[in-house]
N, C-alpha and C. Protein backbone atom coordinates (compact mmCIF):
# COMPACT_ATOMS: atom_id res chain seq x y z
N MET A 1 11.93 -16.37 15.12
CA MET A 1 11.21 -17.45 14.48
C MET A 1 11.89 -18.77 14.74
N ASN A 2 11.11 -19.80 15.00
CA ASN A 2 11.74 -21.10 15.15
C ASN A 2 11.89 -21.74 13.79
N SER A 3 12.61 -22.84 13.73
CA SER A 3 12.93 -23.44 12.43
C SER A 3 11.71 -24.03 11.73
N ASN A 4 10.60 -24.20 12.42
CA ASN A 4 9.39 -24.74 11.80
C ASN A 4 8.48 -23.65 11.24
N THR A 5 8.80 -22.38 11.49
CA THR A 5 7.98 -21.28 11.01
C THR A 5 8.46 -20.83 9.64
N PRO A 6 7.56 -20.79 8.64
CA PRO A 6 7.98 -20.32 7.32
C PRO A 6 8.48 -18.88 7.40
N SER A 7 9.54 -18.58 6.68
CA SER A 7 10.12 -17.25 6.76
C SER A 7 9.88 -16.42 5.51
N THR A 8 9.47 -17.02 4.42
CA THR A 8 9.20 -16.27 3.21
C THR A 8 7.84 -16.68 2.66
N LEU A 9 7.29 -15.80 1.81
CA LEU A 9 5.98 -16.10 1.23
C LEU A 9 6.00 -17.38 0.41
N SER A 10 7.13 -17.68 -0.21
CA SER A 10 7.19 -18.89 -1.04
C SER A 10 7.02 -20.16 -0.21
N GLU A 11 7.26 -20.06 1.11
CA GLU A 11 7.10 -21.20 1.99
C GLU A 11 5.73 -21.22 2.68
N MET A 12 4.91 -20.19 2.41
CA MET A 12 3.61 -20.08 3.05
C MET A 12 2.49 -20.38 2.07
N HIS A 13 1.32 -20.70 2.60
CA HIS A 13 0.12 -20.79 1.79
C HIS A 13 -0.46 -19.38 1.71
N VAL A 14 -0.45 -18.80 0.50
CA VAL A 14 -0.95 -17.45 0.29
C VAL A 14 -2.29 -17.55 -0.44
N LYS A 15 -3.29 -16.89 0.10
CA LYS A 15 -4.62 -16.90 -0.52
C LYS A 15 -5.13 -15.47 -0.60
N LEU A 16 -5.44 -15.01 -1.81
CA LEU A 16 -6.09 -13.72 -1.99
C LEU A 16 -7.58 -14.00 -2.08
N ARG A 17 -8.35 -13.27 -1.27
CA ARG A 17 -9.79 -13.49 -1.29
C ARG A 17 -10.52 -12.16 -1.25
N GLN A 18 -11.66 -12.12 -1.92
CA GLN A 18 -12.48 -10.93 -1.87
C GLN A 18 -13.10 -10.86 -0.48
N ALA A 19 -13.01 -9.70 0.13
CA ALA A 19 -13.53 -9.52 1.49
C ALA A 19 -15.04 -9.37 1.45
N SER A 20 -15.68 -9.96 2.43
CA SER A 20 -17.12 -9.78 2.61
C SER A 20 -17.32 -8.61 3.59
N PRO A 21 -18.54 -8.08 3.70
CA PRO A 21 -18.76 -7.01 4.69
C PRO A 21 -18.36 -7.44 6.11
N GLN A 22 -18.49 -8.72 6.43
CA GLN A 22 -18.11 -9.20 7.75
C GLN A 22 -16.59 -9.17 7.96
N ASP A 23 -15.83 -9.11 6.87
CA ASP A 23 -14.37 -9.03 6.94
C ASP A 23 -13.87 -7.61 7.17
N PHE A 24 -14.78 -6.63 7.15
CA PHE A 24 -14.31 -5.25 7.17
C PHE A 24 -13.52 -4.90 8.43
N PRO A 25 -13.85 -5.42 9.62
CA PRO A 25 -12.99 -5.15 10.78
C PRO A 25 -11.56 -5.65 10.57
N THR A 26 -11.38 -6.73 9.82
CA THR A 26 -10.04 -7.23 9.51
C THR A 26 -9.31 -6.24 8.61
N VAL A 27 -10.01 -5.70 7.61
CA VAL A 27 -9.41 -4.69 6.73
C VAL A 27 -8.96 -3.49 7.56
N LEU A 28 -9.83 -3.01 8.44
CA LEU A 28 -9.48 -1.85 9.27
C LEU A 28 -8.28 -2.15 10.16
N ALA A 29 -8.22 -3.36 10.72
CA ALA A 29 -7.10 -3.74 11.57
C ALA A 29 -5.80 -3.78 10.78
N LEU A 30 -5.84 -4.27 9.54
CA LEU A 30 -4.64 -4.29 8.69
C LEU A 30 -4.18 -2.86 8.40
N LEU A 31 -5.11 -1.98 8.07
CA LEU A 31 -4.75 -0.59 7.78
C LEU A 31 -4.14 0.08 9.00
N GLN A 32 -4.76 -0.12 10.15
CA GLN A 32 -4.23 0.47 11.38
C GLN A 32 -2.87 -0.12 11.72
N GLY A 33 -2.68 -1.42 11.46
CA GLY A 33 -1.41 -2.08 11.72
C GLY A 33 -0.27 -1.56 10.86
N CYS A 34 -0.65 -0.92 9.74
CA CYS A 34 0.35 -0.33 8.84
C CYS A 34 0.40 1.20 8.97
N GLY A 35 -0.33 1.74 9.95
CA GLY A 35 -0.30 3.18 10.19
C GLY A 35 -1.07 4.00 9.17
N LEU A 36 -2.05 3.39 8.51
CA LEU A 36 -2.82 4.10 7.48
C LEU A 36 -4.15 4.60 8.03
N HIS A 37 -4.67 5.65 7.39
CA HIS A 37 -5.95 6.24 7.78
C HIS A 37 -7.11 5.30 7.44
N THR A 38 -8.12 5.30 8.29
CA THR A 38 -9.29 4.45 8.06
C THR A 38 -10.60 5.23 8.05
N GLN A 39 -10.55 6.55 8.25
CA GLN A 39 -11.76 7.33 8.45
C GLN A 39 -12.79 7.15 7.33
N SER A 40 -12.39 7.22 6.08
CA SER A 40 -13.38 7.15 4.99
C SER A 40 -13.48 5.75 4.39
N ALA A 41 -12.76 4.79 4.92
CA ALA A 41 -12.83 3.42 4.39
C ALA A 41 -14.20 2.83 4.72
N THR A 42 -14.85 2.28 3.71
CA THR A 42 -16.17 1.69 3.88
C THR A 42 -16.38 0.58 2.85
N PRO A 43 -17.12 -0.45 3.21
CA PRO A 43 -17.41 -1.48 2.22
C PRO A 43 -18.50 -1.04 1.23
N GLU A 44 -19.20 0.05 1.51
CA GLU A 44 -20.28 0.52 0.64
C GLU A 44 -19.70 1.02 -0.69
N GLY A 45 -20.18 0.46 -1.81
CA GLY A 45 -19.72 0.88 -3.13
C GLY A 45 -18.27 0.54 -3.42
N SER A 46 -17.74 -0.42 -2.67
CA SER A 46 -16.33 -0.77 -2.78
C SER A 46 -16.15 -2.29 -2.83
N THR A 47 -14.99 -2.69 -3.30
CA THR A 47 -14.58 -4.08 -3.24
C THR A 47 -13.22 -4.11 -2.55
N TYR A 48 -13.06 -4.98 -1.58
CA TYR A 48 -11.79 -5.14 -0.88
C TYR A 48 -11.32 -6.58 -1.02
N TRP A 49 -10.00 -6.75 -0.98
CA TRP A 49 -9.39 -8.06 -0.97
C TRP A 49 -8.49 -8.16 0.25
N ILE A 50 -8.39 -9.36 0.77
CA ILE A 50 -7.49 -9.66 1.88
C ILE A 50 -6.54 -10.76 1.42
N ALA A 51 -5.28 -10.61 1.74
CA ALA A 51 -4.29 -11.65 1.49
C ALA A 51 -4.05 -12.38 2.79
N ASP A 52 -4.38 -13.67 2.80
CA ASP A 52 -4.14 -14.51 3.97
C ASP A 52 -2.83 -15.27 3.80
N LEU A 53 -1.99 -15.25 4.83
CA LEU A 53 -0.73 -15.97 4.84
C LEU A 53 -0.85 -17.06 5.88
N ASN A 54 -0.87 -18.30 5.43
CA ASN A 54 -1.11 -19.42 6.35
C ASN A 54 -2.35 -19.17 7.20
N GLY A 55 -3.39 -18.60 6.57
CA GLY A 55 -4.66 -18.37 7.24
C GLY A 55 -4.73 -17.11 8.08
N VAL A 56 -3.65 -16.32 8.10
CA VAL A 56 -3.61 -15.09 8.89
C VAL A 56 -3.56 -13.89 7.94
N PRO A 57 -4.45 -12.91 8.11
CA PRO A 57 -4.44 -11.74 7.22
C PRO A 57 -3.09 -11.02 7.25
N GLY A 58 -2.53 -10.78 6.07
CA GLY A 58 -1.23 -10.12 5.96
C GLY A 58 -1.24 -8.87 5.11
N GLY A 59 -2.34 -8.63 4.37
CA GLY A 59 -2.41 -7.45 3.53
C GLY A 59 -3.81 -7.27 2.99
N CYS A 60 -4.05 -6.07 2.44
CA CYS A 60 -5.36 -5.79 1.85
C CYS A 60 -5.24 -4.69 0.81
N ILE A 61 -6.30 -4.55 0.03
CA ILE A 61 -6.42 -3.47 -0.94
C ILE A 61 -7.90 -3.24 -1.18
N GLY A 62 -8.25 -1.99 -1.48
CA GLY A 62 -9.63 -1.65 -1.76
C GLY A 62 -9.77 -0.98 -3.11
N LEU A 63 -10.97 -1.08 -3.65
CA LEU A 63 -11.30 -0.45 -4.93
C LEU A 63 -12.66 0.19 -4.76
N GLU A 64 -12.71 1.53 -4.79
CA GLU A 64 -13.97 2.25 -4.71
C GLU A 64 -14.46 2.46 -6.14
N HIS A 65 -15.72 2.15 -6.38
CA HIS A 65 -16.26 2.14 -7.74
C HIS A 65 -17.02 3.41 -8.08
N GLY A 66 -16.72 3.94 -9.25
CA GLY A 66 -17.45 5.06 -9.81
C GLY A 66 -18.08 4.61 -11.12
N ASP A 67 -18.46 5.57 -11.94
CA ASP A 67 -19.08 5.29 -13.23
C ASP A 67 -17.99 5.10 -14.28
N GLY A 68 -17.65 3.84 -14.57
CA GLY A 68 -16.64 3.54 -15.57
C GLY A 68 -15.21 3.75 -15.10
N MET A 69 -15.04 4.01 -13.81
CA MET A 69 -13.72 4.23 -13.24
C MET A 69 -13.73 3.75 -11.81
N SER A 70 -12.55 3.46 -11.29
CA SER A 70 -12.43 3.06 -9.89
C SER A 70 -11.24 3.76 -9.26
N LEU A 71 -11.20 3.72 -7.93
CA LEU A 71 -10.15 4.34 -7.14
C LEU A 71 -9.54 3.29 -6.23
N ILE A 72 -8.25 3.02 -6.41
CA ILE A 72 -7.54 2.12 -5.51
C ILE A 72 -7.28 2.88 -4.21
N ARG A 73 -7.54 2.20 -3.11
CA ARG A 73 -7.28 2.81 -1.80
C ARG A 73 -6.94 1.71 -0.79
N SER A 74 -6.45 2.13 0.34
CA SER A 74 -6.23 1.22 1.46
C SER A 74 -5.36 0.02 1.07
N THR A 75 -4.26 0.28 0.39
CA THR A 75 -3.30 -0.76 0.05
C THR A 75 -2.34 -0.91 1.22
N ALA A 76 -2.34 -2.09 1.83
CA ALA A 76 -1.51 -2.30 3.02
C ALA A 76 -0.97 -3.72 3.05
N VAL A 77 0.31 -3.85 3.37
CA VAL A 77 0.94 -5.15 3.61
C VAL A 77 1.71 -5.02 4.92
N LEU A 78 1.46 -5.95 5.83
CA LEU A 78 2.14 -5.90 7.12
C LEU A 78 3.65 -5.95 6.91
N PRO A 79 4.40 -5.24 7.74
CA PRO A 79 5.87 -5.18 7.57
C PRO A 79 6.54 -6.53 7.41
N SER A 80 6.08 -7.54 8.12
CA SER A 80 6.72 -8.85 8.04
C SER A 80 6.52 -9.56 6.70
N ALA A 81 5.59 -9.06 5.88
CA ALA A 81 5.30 -9.71 4.60
C ALA A 81 5.69 -8.84 3.40
N ARG A 82 6.39 -7.76 3.63
CA ARG A 82 6.72 -6.83 2.54
C ARG A 82 7.91 -7.31 1.71
N SER A 83 8.00 -6.74 0.51
CA SER A 83 9.11 -6.98 -0.43
C SER A 83 9.19 -8.42 -0.91
N GLN A 84 8.05 -9.10 -0.96
CA GLN A 84 8.03 -10.47 -1.44
C GLN A 84 6.96 -10.70 -2.51
N GLY A 85 6.35 -9.60 -3.00
CA GLY A 85 5.38 -9.72 -4.08
C GLY A 85 3.92 -9.72 -3.66
N LEU A 86 3.65 -9.65 -2.37
CA LEU A 86 2.26 -9.67 -1.91
C LEU A 86 1.51 -8.41 -2.35
N GLY A 87 2.13 -7.26 -2.22
CA GLY A 87 1.51 -6.02 -2.67
C GLY A 87 1.22 -6.05 -4.15
N ARG A 88 2.17 -6.55 -4.92
CA ARG A 88 1.98 -6.67 -6.37
C ARG A 88 0.78 -7.56 -6.69
N ALA A 89 0.64 -8.67 -5.98
CA ALA A 89 -0.49 -9.57 -6.21
C ALA A 89 -1.81 -8.88 -5.88
N LEU A 90 -1.84 -8.13 -4.79
CA LEU A 90 -3.06 -7.40 -4.42
C LEU A 90 -3.41 -6.34 -5.47
N VAL A 91 -2.40 -5.58 -5.91
CA VAL A 91 -2.65 -4.55 -6.93
C VAL A 91 -3.15 -5.19 -8.22
N ASN A 92 -2.51 -6.28 -8.63
CA ASN A 92 -2.96 -6.95 -9.86
C ASN A 92 -4.39 -7.47 -9.73
N SER A 93 -4.78 -7.93 -8.57
CA SER A 93 -6.17 -8.36 -8.36
C SER A 93 -7.13 -7.20 -8.54
N ALA A 94 -6.80 -6.06 -7.96
CA ALA A 94 -7.66 -4.88 -8.09
C ALA A 94 -7.73 -4.40 -9.53
N LEU A 95 -6.59 -4.37 -10.23
CA LEU A 95 -6.58 -3.92 -11.62
C LEU A 95 -7.37 -4.88 -12.52
N THR A 96 -7.24 -6.18 -12.26
CA THR A 96 -8.00 -7.16 -13.03
C THR A 96 -9.49 -6.97 -12.80
N HIS A 97 -9.90 -6.78 -11.55
CA HIS A 97 -11.31 -6.58 -11.24
C HIS A 97 -11.84 -5.32 -11.94
N ALA A 98 -11.07 -4.24 -11.90
CA ALA A 98 -11.48 -2.99 -12.56
C ALA A 98 -11.63 -3.21 -14.06
N SER A 99 -10.69 -3.93 -14.65
CA SER A 99 -10.75 -4.21 -16.08
C SER A 99 -11.99 -5.04 -16.42
N LEU A 100 -12.26 -6.06 -15.61
CA LEU A 100 -13.42 -6.91 -15.85
C LEU A 100 -14.73 -6.16 -15.64
N ARG A 101 -14.74 -5.14 -14.80
CA ARG A 101 -15.91 -4.28 -14.62
C ARG A 101 -16.14 -3.42 -15.86
N GLY A 102 -15.10 -3.29 -16.69
CA GLY A 102 -15.20 -2.42 -17.86
C GLY A 102 -14.72 -1.01 -17.59
N ASP A 103 -14.03 -0.81 -16.46
CA ASP A 103 -13.53 0.53 -16.15
C ASP A 103 -12.57 1.00 -17.24
N ARG A 104 -12.66 2.30 -17.53
CA ARG A 104 -11.76 2.91 -18.51
C ARG A 104 -10.46 3.36 -17.85
N ALA A 105 -10.51 3.60 -16.54
CA ALA A 105 -9.31 4.08 -15.83
C ALA A 105 -9.43 3.73 -14.35
N VAL A 106 -8.27 3.68 -13.71
CA VAL A 106 -8.18 3.50 -12.27
C VAL A 106 -7.32 4.64 -11.74
N TYR A 107 -7.76 5.23 -10.65
CA TYR A 107 -7.04 6.33 -10.00
C TYR A 107 -6.59 5.92 -8.61
N LEU A 108 -5.72 6.73 -8.03
CA LEU A 108 -5.34 6.57 -6.63
C LEU A 108 -4.64 7.83 -6.17
N PHE A 109 -4.52 7.95 -4.85
CA PHE A 109 -3.74 9.02 -4.24
C PHE A 109 -2.50 8.40 -3.62
N SER A 110 -1.33 9.02 -3.85
CA SER A 110 -0.11 8.56 -3.21
C SER A 110 0.94 9.65 -3.30
N GLN A 111 1.39 10.09 -2.14
CA GLN A 111 2.46 11.08 -2.12
C GLN A 111 3.83 10.43 -2.03
N GLU A 112 3.93 9.37 -1.24
CA GLU A 112 5.25 8.80 -0.97
C GLU A 112 5.62 7.65 -1.89
N ALA A 113 4.66 6.96 -2.47
CA ALA A 113 4.95 5.72 -3.18
C ALA A 113 4.81 5.83 -4.70
N GLY A 114 5.05 7.00 -5.24
CA GLY A 114 4.91 7.19 -6.68
C GLY A 114 5.73 6.23 -7.52
N ASP A 115 6.97 5.97 -7.09
CA ASP A 115 7.82 5.04 -7.84
C ASP A 115 7.19 3.65 -7.90
N TYR A 116 6.55 3.25 -6.83
CA TYR A 116 5.89 1.94 -6.79
C TYR A 116 4.77 1.89 -7.83
N TRP A 117 3.94 2.92 -7.86
CA TRP A 117 2.77 2.90 -8.75
C TRP A 117 3.14 3.05 -10.22
N THR A 118 4.26 3.71 -10.53
CA THR A 118 4.66 3.80 -11.94
C THR A 118 4.99 2.43 -12.51
N ARG A 119 5.39 1.49 -11.66
CA ARG A 119 5.66 0.12 -12.13
C ARG A 119 4.42 -0.55 -12.70
N PHE A 120 3.26 -0.08 -12.28
CA PHE A 120 1.99 -0.63 -12.76
C PHE A 120 1.37 0.21 -13.86
N GLY A 121 2.10 1.18 -14.36
CA GLY A 121 1.61 2.00 -15.47
C GLY A 121 0.84 3.25 -15.06
N PHE A 122 0.89 3.61 -13.78
CA PHE A 122 0.21 4.83 -13.33
C PHE A 122 1.07 6.04 -13.66
N VAL A 123 0.39 7.14 -14.02
CA VAL A 123 1.06 8.40 -14.30
C VAL A 123 0.43 9.49 -13.43
N PRO A 124 1.20 10.51 -13.06
CA PRO A 124 0.64 11.57 -12.22
C PRO A 124 -0.42 12.37 -12.97
N VAL A 125 -1.47 12.75 -12.26
CA VAL A 125 -2.50 13.63 -12.80
C VAL A 125 -2.88 14.62 -11.70
N GLY A 126 -3.58 15.65 -12.08
CA GLY A 126 -4.02 16.64 -11.09
C GLY A 126 -5.19 16.13 -10.26
N VAL A 127 -5.29 16.63 -9.05
CA VAL A 127 -6.39 16.20 -8.18
C VAL A 127 -7.74 16.64 -8.73
N ASP A 128 -7.77 17.70 -9.53
CA ASP A 128 -9.04 18.12 -10.11
C ASP A 128 -9.60 17.05 -11.05
N GLU A 129 -8.71 16.33 -11.74
CA GLU A 129 -9.17 15.25 -12.63
C GLU A 129 -9.81 14.12 -11.84
N ILE A 130 -9.17 13.71 -10.77
CA ILE A 130 -9.72 12.62 -9.96
C ILE A 130 -11.02 13.06 -9.27
N SER A 131 -11.09 14.31 -8.84
CA SER A 131 -12.31 14.83 -8.21
C SER A 131 -13.47 14.85 -9.20
N ALA A 132 -13.20 15.19 -10.45
CA ALA A 132 -14.25 15.22 -11.47
C ALA A 132 -14.65 13.81 -11.89
N ALA A 133 -13.67 12.90 -11.96
CA ALA A 133 -13.93 11.54 -12.44
C ALA A 133 -14.67 10.69 -11.40
N LEU A 134 -14.38 10.90 -10.12
CA LEU A 134 -14.91 10.04 -9.06
C LEU A 134 -15.45 10.86 -7.88
N PRO A 135 -16.37 11.81 -8.14
CA PRO A 135 -16.81 12.72 -7.08
C PRO A 135 -17.56 12.05 -5.94
N ASP A 136 -18.15 10.89 -6.19
CA ASP A 136 -18.99 10.25 -5.18
C ASP A 136 -18.31 9.13 -4.41
N THR A 137 -17.02 8.88 -4.69
CA THR A 137 -16.33 7.83 -3.94
C THR A 137 -16.01 8.35 -2.54
N PRO A 138 -16.03 7.46 -1.54
CA PRO A 138 -15.81 7.91 -0.16
C PRO A 138 -14.49 8.65 0.05
N GLN A 139 -13.40 8.20 -0.56
CA GLN A 139 -12.12 8.85 -0.32
C GLN A 139 -12.09 10.26 -0.93
N VAL A 140 -12.65 10.43 -2.14
CA VAL A 140 -12.68 11.76 -2.76
C VAL A 140 -13.60 12.67 -1.96
N ARG A 141 -14.78 12.19 -1.57
CA ARG A 141 -15.70 13.01 -0.76
C ARG A 141 -15.01 13.45 0.53
N SER A 142 -14.30 12.54 1.19
CA SER A 142 -13.59 12.87 2.42
C SER A 142 -12.53 13.95 2.17
N GLY A 143 -11.78 13.79 1.09
CA GLY A 143 -10.72 14.74 0.77
C GLY A 143 -11.24 16.13 0.49
N VAL A 144 -12.37 16.20 -0.21
CA VAL A 144 -12.98 17.50 -0.51
C VAL A 144 -13.56 18.11 0.77
N LEU A 145 -14.30 17.32 1.53
CA LEU A 145 -14.95 17.80 2.75
C LEU A 145 -13.94 18.28 3.79
N LYS A 146 -12.87 17.51 3.95
CA LYS A 146 -11.88 17.84 4.99
C LYS A 146 -10.74 18.71 4.48
N GLY A 147 -10.68 18.94 3.16
CA GLY A 147 -9.71 19.86 2.60
C GLY A 147 -8.32 19.30 2.35
N TRP A 148 -8.11 18.01 2.56
CA TRP A 148 -6.76 17.46 2.37
C TRP A 148 -6.46 17.12 0.91
N ILE A 149 -7.47 17.08 0.07
CA ILE A 149 -7.28 16.57 -1.30
C ILE A 149 -6.27 17.41 -2.10
N HIS A 150 -6.24 18.72 -1.88
CA HIS A 150 -5.35 19.56 -2.70
C HIS A 150 -3.89 19.45 -2.31
N GLY A 151 -3.59 18.77 -1.21
CA GLY A 151 -2.20 18.50 -0.85
C GLY A 151 -1.74 17.13 -1.30
N GLU A 152 -2.59 16.41 -2.00
CA GLU A 152 -2.29 15.03 -2.43
C GLU A 152 -1.73 14.98 -3.84
N GLN A 153 -1.11 13.87 -4.17
CA GLN A 153 -0.70 13.57 -5.54
C GLN A 153 -1.65 12.49 -6.05
N ALA A 154 -2.28 12.75 -7.18
CA ALA A 154 -3.19 11.78 -7.80
C ALA A 154 -2.46 11.06 -8.92
N TRP A 155 -2.88 9.81 -9.16
CA TRP A 155 -2.29 8.96 -10.18
C TRP A 155 -3.41 8.30 -10.98
N LYS A 156 -3.12 7.99 -12.25
CA LYS A 156 -4.12 7.39 -13.12
C LYS A 156 -3.48 6.31 -13.99
N ARG A 157 -4.23 5.25 -14.20
CA ARG A 157 -3.84 4.23 -15.17
C ARG A 157 -5.03 3.97 -16.08
N GLU A 158 -4.78 4.11 -17.38
CA GLU A 158 -5.82 3.82 -18.36
C GLU A 158 -6.02 2.31 -18.46
N LEU A 159 -7.27 1.90 -18.68
CA LEU A 159 -7.62 0.49 -18.87
C LEU A 159 -8.50 0.35 -20.11
N ASN A 160 -8.59 -0.86 -20.62
CA ASN A 160 -9.55 -1.20 -21.67
C ASN A 160 -9.51 -0.25 -22.87
N ARG A 161 -8.30 0.15 -23.25
CA ARG A 161 -8.18 1.02 -24.43
C ARG A 161 -8.59 0.28 -25.68
N GLY A 162 -9.27 0.98 -26.53
CA GLY A 162 -9.67 0.38 -27.81
C GLY A 162 -10.91 -0.48 -27.73
N THR A 163 -11.54 -0.54 -26.55
CA THR A 163 -12.74 -1.37 -26.44
C THR A 163 -14.00 -0.52 -26.38
N GLU A 164 -13.86 0.79 -26.41
CA GLU A 164 -15.05 1.65 -26.36
C GLU A 164 -15.75 1.64 -27.71
N LYS A 165 -17.06 1.77 -27.66
CA LYS A 165 -17.85 1.76 -28.90
C LYS A 165 -18.18 3.15 -29.33
């Protein structure tokens, strides 16, 4: 890096924006750039966010919507932008959106990053719970169809407690 290139997020213009369907190739490129699977990722029934760093996409996150619940998926931050709070900002955006939707809970799959997700209040649950709660989301359908779901670790975070009628 030359001396005119910002080296930390605090020196960059960071913008989190909701992705449009036209942004989906950017989401896929970010996921591929981080070595993540893209097979079941789709903008249908989902909301995605992109984090732009000085106008260049540096991270993304997705939220697949079910009935009163959502599934976080496709959380990716490019290696050059990691460990500076960008992932946390993306997760908080997704959790805020789920809360504003009125979701009672948010789920996700993660085998390697459990310690990361516990910081946001997620607790481990069985895959049968996530399959029952969100059977029509693309990631759950893919996991059931292709058989990988039973080798996964599922996580859950309760939302909007005390607001049910």
